Amino acid sequence: MNIEPKNLPPNLLESARILWDGGQYQEALGLLYRGAISSLVTGQLVEIEECDTEMDCLRRVTSKGEAANAAYFKILTGAWMTQAYARRRPDDETVNQLWSHWPYDARRRS
């Protein structure tokens, strides 16, 4: 997973929203997920290994608590896994939470 801030769009949230509005749900959620991981790693809040699964990442983030925005990351991980593995679009309430509460900024730490 490419999580280097220089390889993410400058306005990640806006780019993800454009993908979402274009019906590219998996790509949009994947971009949000990569951006969150990038921010957590580059901000040195969470150490994530290359071989970590989504659940491994969630456990690592959760162990850091709200300093790592664990509640948001849990919602994001659930939405990502629902779309990527079950091929079901997350419900509108979840999606609205993801857009309105984005806590990460991977670019500023590069």
Protein backbone atom coordinates (compact mmCIF):
# COMPACT_ATOMS: atom_id res chain seq x y z
CA MET A 1 0.00 0.00 0.00
CA ASN A 2 1.48 3.29 -1.09
CA ILE A 3 1.09 5.67 1.85
CA GLU A 4 3.87 8.19 1.29
CA PRO A 5 2.36 11.68 1.55
CA LYS A 6 4.03 12.76 -1.70
CA ASN A 7 2.06 10.04 -3.51
CA LEU A 8 -1.31 11.21 -2.22
CA PRO A 9 -3.35 14.03 -3.76
CA PRO A 10 -2.87 17.48 -2.19
CA ASN A 11 -6.53 17.66 -1.20
CA LEU A 12 -7.18 14.05 -0.34
CA LEU A 13 -10.68 14.51 1.00
CA GLU A 14 -11.82 16.44 -2.07
CA SER A 15 -10.23 13.85 -4.39
CA ALA A 16 -11.96 11.02 -2.54
CA ARG A 17 -15.27 12.86 -2.73
CA ILE A 18 -14.93 13.26 -6.50
CA LEU A 19 -14.31 9.51 -6.82
CA TRP A 20 -17.31 8.79 -4.60
CA ASP A 21 -19.61 11.10 -6.52
CA GLY A 22 -18.45 9.37 -9.72
CA GLY A 23 -19.55 5.99 -8.36
CA GLN A 24 -16.00 4.81 -7.64
CA TYR A 25 -16.81 3.85 -4.06
CA GLN A 26 -13.98 1.40 -3.47
CA GLU A 27 -11.40 3.80 -4.88
CA ALA A 28 -12.74 6.65 -2.75
CA LEU A 29 -12.68 4.65 0.47
CA GLY A 30 -9.28 3.20 -0.42
CA LEU A 31 -7.92 6.71 -0.82
CA LEU A 32 -9.35 7.78 2.54
CA TYR A 33 -7.91 4.67 4.17
CA ARG A 34 -4.44 5.22 2.67
CA GLY A 35 -4.55 8.86 3.70
CA ALA A 36 -5.46 7.99 7.27
CA ILE A 37 -2.70 5.38 7.51
CA SER A 38 -0.22 7.81 5.98
CA SER A 39 -1.09 10.52 8.46
CA LEU A 40 -0.84 8.13 11.41
CA VAL A 41 2.50 6.73 10.32
CA THR A 42 4.16 9.98 9.21
CA GLY A 43 2.89 11.74 12.32
CA GLN A 44 4.56 8.97 14.33
CA LEU A 45 1.33 8.27 16.19
CA VAL A 46 1.09 4.62 15.17
CA GLU A 47 3.64 2.11 13.98
CA ILE A 48 2.15 0.00 11.21
CA GLU A 49 3.92 -2.93 9.62
CA GLU A 50 3.81 -3.69 5.89
CA CYS A 51 2.16 -7.06 6.60
CA ASP A 52 -0.56 -5.68 8.92
CA THR A 53 -4.15 -6.45 7.98
CA GLU A 54 -6.94 -3.92 8.40
CA MET A 55 -7.76 -5.45 11.78
CA ASP A 56 -4.11 -5.26 12.86
CA CYS A 57 -4.08 -1.58 11.90
CA LEU A 58 -7.33 -1.00 13.76
CA ARG A 59 -5.94 -2.62 16.91
CA ARG A 60 -2.80 -0.48 16.71
CA VAL A 61 -4.79 2.72 16.21
CA THR A 62 -7.28 1.82 18.92
CA SER A 63 -4.44 1.24 21.38
CA LYS A 64 -3.38 4.89 20.87
CA GLY A 65 -6.87 6.18 21.64
CA GLU A 66 -8.14 9.53 20.54
CA ALA A 67 -4.65 10.89 19.90
CA ALA A 68 -4.86 8.75 16.76
CA ASN A 69 -8.57 9.49 16.15
CA ALA A 70 -9.44 5.89 16.92
CA ALA A 71 -13.22 6.36 16.73
CA TYR A 72 -13.01 7.79 13.22
CA PHE A 73 -10.53 5.15 12.10
CA LYS A 74 -12.88 2.41 13.31
CA ILE A 75 -15.72 3.80 11.18
CA LEU A 76 -13.40 4.20 8.19
CA THR A 77 -12.04 0.67 8.53
CA GLY A 78 -15.55 -0.77 8.73
CA ALA A 79 -16.66 1.18 5.67
CA TRP A 80 -13.55 0.19 3.71
CA MET A 81 -13.93 -3.50 4.58
CA THR A 82 -17.66 -3.49 3.77
CA GLN A 83 -16.95 -2.06 0.32
CA ALA A 84 -13.73 -3.92 -0.46
CA TYR A 85 -14.67 -7.39 0.75
CA ALA A 86 -18.48 -7.55 0.89
CA ARG A 87 -18.87 -5.29 -2.17
CA ARG A 88 -21.55 -3.32 -0.33
CA ARG A 89 -21.61 0.44 -0.24
CA PRO A 90 -21.67 1.75 3.34
CA ASP A 91 -24.91 3.41 4.45
CA ASP A 92 -25.39 7.15 3.94
CA GLU A 93 -24.97 7.98 7.64
CA THR A 94 -21.54 6.32 7.71
CA VAL A 95 -20.47 8.03 4.51
CA ASN A 96 -21.61 11.42 5.82
CA GLN A 97 -19.56 10.87 8.98
CA LEU A 98 -16.49 10.10 6.90
CA TRP A 99 -16.83 13.32 4.87
CA SER A 100 -17.73 15.61 7.75
CA HIS A 101 -15.30 14.39 10.40
CA TRP A 102 -12.05 13.75 8.46
CA PRO A 103 -9.33 14.26 11.13
CA TYR A 104 -6.17 13.50 9.16
CA ASP A 105 -3.87 15.62 7.05
CA ALA A 106 -1.12 13.40 5.62
CA ARG A 107 0.34 16.15 3.41
CA ARG A 108 1.27 18.56 6.20
CA ARG A 109 3.61 16.05 7.80
CA SER A 110 5.61 15.29 4.68
